[in-house]
Amino acid sequence: NFIFLSRDWNKDRDTITRTFQGLWTAQKKPSFWMVLFPEGTRFSEIKLKEAQQFCLARSLPLPRNVLVPRLKGFTSSLEHLR
Protein backbone atom coordinates (compact mmCIF):
# COMPACT_ATOMS: atom_id res chain seq x y z
CA ASN A 1 0.00 0.00 0.00
CA PHE A 2 1.03 3.57 -0.61
CA ILE A 3 0.23 6.75 1.27
CA PHE A 4 -0.33 9.59 -1.16
CA LEU A 5 -0.21 13.00 0.44
CA SER A 6 -1.52 16.34 -0.78
CA ARG A 7 1.12 18.64 0.79
CA ASP A 8 -1.65 20.12 2.97
CA TRP A 9 -0.77 19.20 6.56
CA ASN A 10 -4.38 19.42 7.80
CA LYS A 11 -5.40 16.71 5.32
CA ASP A 12 -2.16 14.72 5.41
CA ARG A 13 -2.11 14.35 9.19
CA ASP A 14 -5.45 12.51 9.05
CA THR A 15 -4.31 10.36 6.11
CA ILE A 16 -1.16 9.28 7.93
CA THR A 17 -3.06 8.56 11.15
CA ARG A 18 -5.73 6.45 9.38
CA THR A 19 -3.10 4.49 7.47
CA PHE A 20 -1.10 3.55 10.54
CA GLN A 21 -4.23 2.76 12.55
CA GLY A 22 -5.21 0.38 9.75
CA LEU A 23 -1.82 -1.33 9.98
CA TRP A 24 -2.14 -1.87 13.71
CA THR A 25 -5.68 -3.23 13.51
CA ALA A 26 -4.78 -5.61 10.68
CA GLN A 27 -1.99 -7.29 12.67
CA LYS A 28 -0.65 -7.08 16.20
CA LYS A 29 2.94 -6.51 15.11
CA PRO A 30 2.93 -5.79 11.40
CA SER A 31 6.07 -6.40 9.40
CA PHE A 32 6.67 -3.99 6.55
CA TRP A 33 9.16 -1.80 4.75
CA MET A 34 8.66 1.94 4.83
CA VAL A 35 10.15 4.05 2.05
CA LEU A 36 9.96 7.81 2.29
CA PHE A 37 10.64 10.49 -0.26
CA PRO A 38 11.31 13.39 2.13
CA GLU A 39 11.50 16.06 -0.58
CA GLY A 40 7.75 15.68 -0.95
CA THR A 41 7.69 16.34 -4.69
CA ARG A 42 9.56 15.98 -7.96
CA PHE A 43 12.68 18.06 -8.53
CA SER A 44 12.44 21.06 -10.85
CA GLU A 45 14.45 24.26 -11.27
CA ILE A 46 11.54 26.32 -9.94
CA LYS A 47 11.21 24.15 -6.83
CA LEU A 48 14.98 24.29 -6.30
CA LYS A 49 14.87 28.11 -6.33
CA GLU A 50 12.01 28.05 -3.83
CA ALA A 51 13.98 25.66 -1.60
CA GLN A 52 17.02 27.93 -1.81
CA GLN A 53 14.94 30.97 -0.84
CA PHE A 54 13.51 29.00 2.10
CA CYS A 55 17.04 28.14 3.26
CA LEU A 56 18.35 31.67 2.82
CA ALA A 57 15.51 33.06 4.93
CA ARG A 58 16.33 30.59 7.73
CA SER A 59 20.14 30.67 7.51
CA LEU A 60 20.25 27.00 6.45
CA PRO A 61 22.80 25.45 4.09
CA LEU A 62 21.91 26.18 0.47
CA PRO A 63 20.97 23.06 -1.54
CA ARG A 64 22.34 22.81 -5.07
CA ASN A 65 21.07 19.46 -6.37
CA VAL A 66 18.28 18.42 -3.99
CA LEU A 67 15.20 19.89 -2.33
CA VAL A 68 14.84 20.56 1.38
CA PRO A 69 13.37 17.54 3.20
CA ARG A 70 9.84 17.96 4.53
CA LEU A 71 9.73 16.63 8.06
CA LYS A 72 6.15 16.76 9.37
CA GLY A 73 5.04 13.57 7.62
CA PHE A 74 8.24 11.79 8.60
CA THR A 75 7.98 12.66 12.29
CA SER A 76 4.27 11.86 12.31
CA SER A 77 5.01 8.44 10.80
CA LEU A 78 7.66 7.74 13.43
CA GLU A 79 5.27 8.70 16.21
CA HIS A 80 2.70 6.22 14.90
CA LEU A 81 5.30 3.45 14.75
CA ARG A 82 6.05 3.70 18.49
PDB file of N, CA and C in Angstrom:
ATOM      1  N   ASN A   1       0.842  -1.188   0.000  1.00  0.00           N
ATOM      2  CA  ASN A   1       0.000   0.000   0.000  1.00  0.00           C
ATOM      3  C   ASN A   1       0.878   1.239   0.000  1.00  0.00           C
ATOM      4  N   PHE A   2       0.327   2.297  -0.540  1.00  0.00           N
ATOM      5  CA  PHE A   2       1.031   3.568  -0.606  1.00  0.00           C
ATOM      6  C   PHE A   2       0.220   4.626   0.115  1.00  0.00           C
ATOM      7  N   ILE A   3       0.900   5.592   0.676  1.00  0.00           N
ATOM      8  CA  ILE A   3       0.228   6.750   1.265  1.00  0.00           C
ATOM      9  C   ILE A   3       0.521   7.924   0.341  1.00  0.00           C
ATOM     10  N   PHE A   4      -0.491   8.426  -0.301  1.00  0.00           N
ATOM     11  CA  PHE A   4      -0.327   9.587  -1.164  1.00  0.00           C
ATOM     12  C   PHE A   4      -0.790  10.814  -0.395  1.00  0.00           C
ATOM     13  N   LEU A   5       0.073  11.800  -0.326  1.00  0.00           N
ATOM     14  CA  LEU A   5      -0.213  13.000   0.442  1.00  0.00           C
ATOM     15  C   LEU A   5      -0.459  14.178  -0.491  1.00  0.00           C
ATOM     16  N   SER A   6      -1.127  15.193   0.040  1.00  0.00           N
ATOM     17  CA  SER A   6      -1.518  16.341  -0.782  1.00  0.00           C
ATOM     18  C   SER A   6      -0.664  17.582  -0.531  1.00  0.00           C
ATOM     19  N   ARG A   7       0.287  17.510   0.394  1.00  0.00           N
ATOM     20  CA  ARG A   7       1.119  18.640   0.792  1.00  0.00           C
ATOM     21  C   ARG A   7       0.305  19.694   1.535  1.00  0.00           C
ATOM     22  N   ASP A   8      -0.831  19.284   2.096  1.00  0.00           N
ATOM     23  CA  ASP A   8      -1.648  20.118   2.966  1.00  0.00           C
ATOM     24  C   ASP A   8      -1.679  19.398   4.309  1.00  0.00           C
ATOM     25  N   TRP A   9      -0.959  19.915   5.306  1.00  0.00           N
ATOM     26  CA  TRP A   9      -0.768  19.198   6.556  1.00  0.00           C
ATOM     27  C   TRP A   9      -2.090  18.850   7.244  1.00  0.00           C
ATOM     28  N   ASN A  10      -3.089  19.705   7.156  1.00  0.00           N
ATOM     29  CA  ASN A  10      -4.377  19.416   7.802  1.00  0.00           C
ATOM     30  C   ASN A  10      -5.006  18.144   7.236  1.00  0.00           C
ATOM     31  N   LYS A  11      -4.874  17.924   5.945  1.00  0.00           N
ATOM     32  CA  LYS A  11      -5.397  16.706   5.319  1.00  0.00           C
ATOM     33  C   LYS A  11      -4.440  15.536   5.530  1.00  0.00           C
ATOM     34  N   ASP A  12      -3.158  15.796   5.357  1.00  0.00           N
ATOM     35  CA  ASP A  12      -2.160  14.719   5.405  1.00  0.00           C
ATOM     36  C   ASP A  12      -2.034  14.094   6.786  1.00  0.00           C
ATOM     37  N   ARG A  13      -2.179  14.883   7.831  1.00  0.00           N
ATOM     38  CA  ARG A  13      -2.107  14.350   9.191  1.00  0.00           C
ATOM     39  C   ARG A  13      -3.153  13.254   9.383  1.00  0.00           C
ATOM     40  N   ASP A  14      -4.381  13.508   8.928  1.00  0.00           N
ATOM     41  CA  ASP A  14      -5.449  12.509   9.053  1.00  0.00           C
ATOM     42  C   ASP A  14      -5.168  11.280   8.190  1.00  0.00           C
ATOM     43  N   THR A  15      -4.635  11.477   6.998  1.00  0.00           N
ATOM     44  CA  THR A  15      -4.311  10.362   6.108  1.00  0.00           C
ATOM     45  C   THR A  15      -3.258   9.457   6.737  1.00  0.00           C
ATOM     46  N   ILE A  16      -2.228  10.051   7.298  1.00  0.00           N
ATOM     47  CA  ILE A  16      -1.155   9.279   7.934  1.00  0.00           C
ATOM     48  C   ILE A  16      -1.702   8.520   9.148  1.00  0.00           C
ATOM     49  N   THR A  17      -2.488   9.195   9.958  1.00  0.00           N
ATOM     50  CA  THR A  17      -3.059   8.557  11.153  1.00  0.00           C
ATOM     51  C   THR A  17      -3.941   7.373  10.773  1.00  0.00           C
ATOM     52  N   ARG A  18      -4.844   7.552   9.810  1.00  0.00           N
ATOM     53  CA  ARG A  18      -5.731   6.455   9.379  1.00  0.00           C
ATOM     54  C   ARG A  18      -4.944   5.281   8.832  1.00  0.00           C
ATOM     55  N   THR A  19      -3.901   5.563   8.068  1.00  0.00           N
ATOM     56  CA  THR A  19      -3.103   4.489   7.470  1.00  0.00           C
ATOM     57  C   THR A  19      -2.424   3.659   8.540  1.00  0.00           C
ATOM     58  N   PHE A  20      -1.792   4.296   9.504  1.00  0.00           N
ATOM     59  CA  PHE A  20      -1.097   3.547  10.544  1.00  0.00           C
ATOM     60  C   PHE A  20      -2.071   2.844  11.485  1.00  0.00           C
ATOM     61  N   GLN A  21      -3.223   3.446  11.743  1.00  0.00           N
ATOM     62  CA  GLN A  21      -4.227   2.757  12.555  1.00  0.00           C
ATOM     63  C   GLN A  21      -4.692   1.490  11.841  1.00  0.00           C
ATOM     64  N   GLY A  22      -4.823   1.563  10.526  1.00  0.00           N
ATOM     65  CA  GLY A  22      -5.208   0.384   9.751  1.00  0.00           C
ATOM     66  C   GLY A  22      -4.157  -0.711   9.827  1.00  0.00           C
ATOM     67  N   LEU A  23      -2.895  -0.338   9.849  1.00  0.00           N
ATOM     68  CA  LEU A  23      -1.823  -1.334   9.982  1.00  0.00           C
ATOM     69  C   LEU A  23      -1.907  -2.041  11.324  1.00  0.00           C
ATOM     70  N   TRP A  24      -2.128  -1.277  12.377  1.00  0.00           N
ATOM     71  CA  TRP A  24      -2.141  -1.874  13.711  1.00  0.00           C
ATOM     72  C   TRP A  24      -3.372  -2.738  13.938  1.00  0.00           C
ATOM     73  N   THR A  25      -4.494  -2.401  13.315  1.00  0.00           N
ATOM     74  CA  THR A  25      -5.679  -3.232  13.512  1.00  0.00           C
ATOM     75  C   THR A  25      -5.626  -4.494  12.656  1.00  0.00           C
ATOM     76  N   ALA A  26      -4.891  -4.439  11.561  1.00  0.00           N
ATOM     77  CA  ALA A  26      -4.784  -5.611  10.684  1.00  0.00           C
ATOM     78  C   ALA A  26      -3.924  -6.708  11.313  1.00  0.00           C
ATOM     79  N   GLN A  27      -2.901  -6.337  12.035  1.00  0.00           N
ATOM     80  CA  GLN A  27      -1.986  -7.288  12.666  1.00  0.00           C
ATOM     81  C   GLN A  27      -1.523  -6.707  14.001  1.00  0.00           C
ATOM     82  N   LYS A  28      -1.170  -7.588  14.923  1.00  0.00           N
ATOM     83  CA  LYS A  28      -0.654  -7.084  16.203  1.00  0.00           C
ATOM     84  C   LYS A  28       0.696  -6.414  16.033  1.00  0.00           C
ATOM     85  N   LYS A  29       1.614  -7.081  15.370  1.00  0.00           N
ATOM     86  CA  LYS A  29       2.938  -6.509  15.107  1.00  0.00           C
ATOM     87  C   LYS A  29       3.201  -6.638  13.612  1.00  0.00           C
ATOM     88  N   PRO A  30       2.757  -5.669  12.852  1.00  0.00           N
ATOM     89  CA  PRO A  30       2.933  -5.788  11.403  1.00  0.00           C
ATOM     90  C   PRO A  30       4.405  -5.723  11.009  1.00  0.00           C
ATOM     91  N   SER A  31       4.719  -6.417   9.955  1.00  0.00           N
ATOM     92  CA  SER A  31       6.066  -6.404   9.404  1.00  0.00           C
ATOM     93  C   SER A  31       5.979  -5.745   8.027  1.00  0.00           C
ATOM     94  N   PHE A  32       6.738  -4.693   7.826  1.00  0.00           N
ATOM     95  CA  PHE A  32       6.669  -3.992   6.546  1.00  0.00           C
ATOM     96  C   PHE A  32       7.923  -3.161   6.338  1.00  0.00           C
ATOM     97  N   TRP A  33       8.101  -2.732   5.111  1.00  0.00           N
ATOM     98  CA  TRP A  33       9.165  -1.795   4.750  1.00  0.00           C
ATOM     99  C   TRP A  33       8.504  -0.429   4.557  1.00  0.00           C
ATOM    100  N   MET A  34       9.175   0.594   5.029  1.00  0.00           N
ATOM    101  CA  MET A  34       8.663   1.941   4.830  1.00  0.00           C
ATOM    102  C   MET A  34       9.699   2.729   4.035  1.00  0.00           C
ATOM    103  N   VAL A  35       9.282   3.241   2.898  1.00  0.00           N
ATOM    104  CA  VAL A  35      10.154   4.047   2.049  1.00  0.00           C
ATOM    105  C   VAL A  35       9.578   5.455   2.004  1.00  0.00           C
ATOM    106  N   LEU A  36      10.405   6.421   2.298  1.00  0.00           N
ATOM    107  CA  LEU A  36       9.964   7.810   2.293  1.00  0.00           C
ATOM    108  C   LEU A  36      10.716   8.602   1.235  1.00  0.00           C
ATOM    109  N   PHE A  37      10.023   9.543   0.652  1.00  0.00           N
ATOM    110  CA  PHE A  37      10.636  10.491  -0.259  1.00  0.00           C
ATOM    111  C   PHE A  37      10.498  11.854   0.416  1.00  0.00           C
ATOM    112  N   PRO A  38      11.470  12.220   1.257  1.00  0.00           N
ATOM    113  CA  PRO A  38      11.309  13.393   2.129  1.00  0.00           C
ATOM    114  C   PRO A  38      11.237  14.733   1.413  1.00  0.00           C
ATOM    115  N   GLU A  39      11.598  14.780   0.134  1.00  0.00           N
ATOM    116  CA  GLU A  39      11.498  16.055  -0.576  1.00  0.00           C
ATOM    117  C   GLU A  39      10.042  16.412  -0.807  1.00  0.00           C
ATOM    118  N   GLY A  40       9.177  15.428  -0.827  1.00  0.00           N
ATOM    119  CA  GLY A  40       7.753  15.676  -0.946  1.00  0.00           C
ATOM    120  C   GLY A  40       7.252  15.977  -2.341  1.00  0.00           C
ATOM    121  N   THR A  41       8.120  16.013  -3.330  1.00  0.00           N
ATOM    122  CA  THR A  41       7.694  16.337  -4.689  1.00  0.00           C
ATOM    123  C   THR A  41       8.806  16.007  -5.674  1.00  0.00           C
ATOM    124  N   ARG A  42       8.533  16.193  -6.939  1.00  0.00           N
ATOM    125  CA  ARG A  42       9.556  15.981  -7.959  1.00  0.00           C
ATOM    126  C   ARG A  42      10.452  17.217  -8.069  1.00  0.00           C
ATOM    127  N   PHE A  43      11.694  16.982  -8.405  1.00  0.00           N
ATOM    128  CA  PHE A  43      12.677  18.059  -8.534  1.00  0.00           C
ATOM    129  C   PHE A  43      12.422  18.862  -9.808  1.00  0.00           C
ATOM    130  N   SER A  44      12.479  20.173  -9.684  1.00  0.00           N
ATOM    131  CA  SER A  44      12.442  21.059 -10.851  1.00  0.00           C
ATOM    132  C   SER A  44      13.271  22.299 -10.500  1.00  0.00           C
ATOM    133  N   GLU A  45      13.657  23.040 -11.504  1.00  0.00           N
ATOM    134  CA  GLU A  45      14.452  24.255 -11.269  1.00  0.00           C
ATOM    135  C   GLU A  45      13.661  25.271 -10.442  1.00  0.00           C
ATOM    136  N   ILE A  46      12.373  25.378 -10.692  1.00  0.00           N
ATOM    137  CA  ILE A  46      11.537  26.318  -9.942  1.00  0.00           C
ATOM    138  C   ILE A  46      11.492  25.917  -8.464  1.00  0.00           C
ATOM    139  N   LYS A  47      11.287  24.627  -8.217  1.00  0.00           N
ATOM    140  CA  LYS A  47      11.214  24.155  -6.831  1.00  0.00           C
ATOM    141  C   LYS A  47      12.570  24.267  -6.130  1.00  0.00           C
ATOM    142  N   LEU A  48      13.650  24.103  -6.882  1.00  0.00           N
ATOM    143  CA  LEU A  48      14.982  24.288  -6.304  1.00  0.00           C
ATOM    144  C   LEU A  48      15.162  25.739  -5.864  1.00  0.00           C
ATOM    145  N   LYS A  49      14.752  26.686  -6.697  1.00  0.00           N
ATOM    146  CA  LYS A  49      14.874  28.106  -6.334  1.00  0.00           C
ATOM    147  C   LYS A  49      14.034  28.427  -5.100  1.00  0.00           C
ATOM    148  N   GLU A  50      12.841  27.841  -5.011  1.00  0.00           N
ATOM    149  CA  GLU A  50      12.007  28.053  -3.826  1.00  0.00           C
ATOM    150  C   GLU A  50      12.679  27.473  -2.578  1.00  0.00           C
ATOM    151  N   ALA A  51      13.275  26.293  -2.719  1.00  0.00           N
ATOM    152  CA  ALA A  51      13.977  25.665  -1.597  1.00  0.00           C
ATOM    153  C   ALA A  51      15.167  26.520  -1.166  1.00  0.00           C
ATOM    154  N   GLN A  52      15.877  27.081  -2.123  1.00  0.00           N
ATOM    155  CA  GLN A  52      17.023  27.926  -1.805  1.00  0.00           C
ATOM    156  C   GLN A  52      16.577  29.204  -1.096  1.00  0.00           C
ATOM    157  N   GLN A  53      15.466  29.786  -1.513  1.00  0.00           N
ATOM    158  CA  GLN A  53      14.937  30.973  -0.838  1.00  0.00           C
ATOM    159  C   GLN A  53      14.524  30.630   0.594  1.00  0.00           C
ATOM    160  N   PHE A  54      13.899  29.482   0.773  1.00  0.00           N
ATOM    161  CA  PHE A  54      13.505  29.004   2.101  1.00  0.00           C
ATOM    162  C   PHE A  54      14.738  28.900   2.998  1.00  0.00           C
ATOM    163  N   CYS A  55      15.815  28.317   2.478  1.00  0.00           N
ATOM    164  CA  CYS A  55      17.043  28.136   3.256  1.00  0.00           C
ATOM    165  C   CYS A  55      17.719  29.468   3.562  1.00  0.00           C
ATOM    166  N   LEU A  56      17.755  30.355   2.594  1.00  0.00           N
ATOM    167  CA  LEU A  56      18.355  31.674   2.824  1.00  0.00           C
ATOM    168  C   LEU A  56      17.621  32.419   3.939  1.00  0.00           C
ATOM    169  N   ALA A  57      16.302  32.349   3.932  1.00  0.00           N
ATOM    170  CA  ALA A  57      15.506  33.057   4.934  1.00  0.00           C
ATOM    171  C   ALA A  57      15.719  32.499   6.339  1.00  0.00           C
ATOM    172  N   ARG A  58      16.157  31.239   6.423  1.00  0.00           N
ATOM    173  CA  ARG A  58      16.325  30.595   7.732  1.00  0.00           C
ATOM    174  C   ARG A  58      17.786  30.297   8.071  1.00  0.00           C
ATOM    175  N   SER A  59      18.697  30.860   7.302  1.00  0.00           N
ATOM    176  CA  SER A  59      20.140  30.666   7.509  1.00  0.00           C
ATOM    177  C   SER A  59      20.523  29.181   7.511  1.00  0.00           C
ATOM    178  N   LEU A  60      19.925  28.426   6.612  1.00  0.00           N
ATOM    179  CA  LEU A  60      20.249  27.002   6.451  1.00  0.00           C
ATOM    180  C   LEU A  60      21.212  26.834   5.290  1.00  0.00           C
ATOM    181  N   PRO A  61      21.920  25.698   5.236  1.00  0.00           N
ATOM    182  CA  PRO A  61      22.797  25.451   4.087  1.00  0.00           C
ATOM    183  C   PRO A  61      21.987  25.467   2.784  1.00  0.00           C
ATOM    184  N   LEU A  62      22.582  26.026   1.762  1.00  0.00           N
ATOM    185  CA  LEU A  62      21.915  26.180   0.472  1.00  0.00           C
ATOM    186  C   LEU A  62      22.027  24.894  -0.357  1.00  0.00           C
ATOM    187  N   PRO A  63      20.901  24.263  -0.711  1.00  0.00           N
ATOM    188  CA  PRO A  63      20.970  23.063  -1.544  1.00  0.00           C
ATOM    189  C   PRO A  63      21.280  23.436  -3.001  1.00  0.00           C
ATOM    190  N   ARG A  64      22.028  22.559  -3.660  1.00  0.00           N
ATOM    191  CA  ARG A  64      22.343  22.809  -5.074  1.00  0.00           C
ATOM    192  C   ARG A  64      21.724  21.770  -6.004  1.00  0.00           C
ATOM    193  N   ASN A  65      21.543  20.546  -5.501  1.00  0.00           N
ATOM    194  CA  ASN A  65      21.065  19.465  -6.368  1.00  0.00           C
ATOM    195  C   ASN A  65      19.877  18.701  -5.793  1.00  0.00           C
ATOM    196  N   VAL A  66      19.405  19.111  -4.641  1.00  0.00           N
ATOM    197  CA  VAL A  66      18.282  18.421  -3.987  1.00  0.00           C
ATOM    198  C   VAL A  66      17.340  19.463  -3.397  1.00  0.00           C
ATOM    199  N   LEU A  67      16.146  19.012  -3.007  1.00  0.00           N
ATOM    200  CA  LEU A  67      15.202  19.889  -2.332  1.00  0.00           C
ATOM    201  C   LEU A  67      15.329  19.700  -0.829  1.00  0.00           C
ATOM    202  N   VAL A  68      14.797  20.627  -0.082  1.00  0.00           N
ATOM    203  CA  VAL A  68      14.844  20.560   1.376  1.00  0.00           C
ATOM    204  C   VAL A  68      13.862  19.487   1.842  1.00  0.00           C
ATOM    205  N   PRO A  69      14.298  18.577   2.711  1.00  0.00           N
ATOM    206  CA  PRO A  69      13.371  17.544   3.203  1.00  0.00           C
ATOM    207  C   PRO A  69      12.199  18.158   3.959  1.00  0.00           C
ATOM    208  N   ARG A  70      11.048  17.540   3.816  1.00  0.00           N
ATOM    209  CA  ARG A  70       9.843  17.957   4.528  1.00  0.00           C
ATOM    210  C   ARG A  70       9.665  16.985   5.684  1.00  0.00           C
ATOM    211  N   LEU A  71       9.606  17.493   6.897  1.00  0.00           N
ATOM    212  CA  LEU A  71       9.731  16.631   8.065  1.00  0.00           C
ATOM    213  C   LEU A  71       8.441  16.301   8.806  1.00  0.00           C
ATOM    214  N   LYS A  72       7.368  17.023   8.599  1.00  0.00           N
ATOM    215  CA  LYS A  72       6.153  16.762   9.375  1.00  0.00           C
ATOM    216  C   LYS A  72       5.632  15.344   9.152  1.00  0.00           C
ATOM    217  N   GLY A  73       5.530  14.918   7.905  1.00  0.00           N
ATOM    218  CA  GLY A  73       5.036  13.567   7.617  1.00  0.00           C
ATOM    219  C   GLY A  73       5.959  12.501   8.164  1.00  0.00           C
ATOM    220  N   PHE A  74       7.259  12.738   8.078  1.00  0.00           N
ATOM    221  CA  PHE A  74       8.239  11.787   8.602  1.00  0.00           C
ATOM    222  C   PHE A  74       8.105  11.639  10.111  1.00  0.00           C
ATOM    223  N   THR A  75       8.071  12.751  10.828  1.00  0.00           N
ATOM    224  CA  THR A  75       7.979  12.664  12.285  1.00  0.00           C
ATOM    225  C   THR A  75       6.626  12.099  12.717  1.00  0.00           C
ATOM    226  N   SER A  76       5.579  12.428  12.002  1.00  0.00           N
ATOM    227  CA  SER A  76       4.266  11.861  12.315  1.00  0.00           C
ATOM    228  C   SER A  76       4.276  10.345  12.121  1.00  0.00           C
ATOM    229  N   SER A  77       4.909   9.878  11.051  1.00  0.00           N
ATOM    230  CA  SER A  77       5.006   8.437  10.798  1.00  0.00           C
ATOM    231  C   SER A  77       5.775   7.744  11.916  1.00  0.00           C
ATOM    232  N   LEU A  78       6.883   8.343  12.336  1.00  0.00           N
ATOM    233  CA  LEU A  78       7.659   7.739  13.427  1.00  0.00           C
ATOM    234  C   LEU A  78       6.858   7.668  14.723  1.00  0.00           C
ATOM    235  N   GLU A  79       6.103   8.708  15.004  1.00  0.00           N
ATOM    236  CA  GLU A  79       5.274   8.704  16.208  1.00  0.00           C
ATOM    237  C   GLU A  79       4.264   7.562  16.180  1.00  0.00           C
ATOM    238  N   HIS A  80       3.689   7.294  15.016  1.00  0.00           N
ATOM    239  CA  HIS A  80       2.702   6.221  14.904  1.00  0.00           C
ATOM    240  C   HIS A  80       3.347   4.835  14.981  1.00  0.00           C
ATOM    241  N   LEU A  81       4.619   4.748  14.699  1.00  0.00           N
ATOM    242  CA  LEU A  81       5.301   3.448  14.751  1.00  0.00           C
ATOM    243  C   LEU A  81       5.690   3.069  16.173  1.00  0.00           C
ATOM    244  N   ARG A  82       5.657   3.992  17.103  1.00  0.00           N
ATOM    245  CA  ARG A  82       6.050   3.698  18.491  1.00  0.00           C
ATOM    246  C   ARG A  82       5.009   2.911  19.208  1.00  0.00           C
TER     247      ARG A  82
END
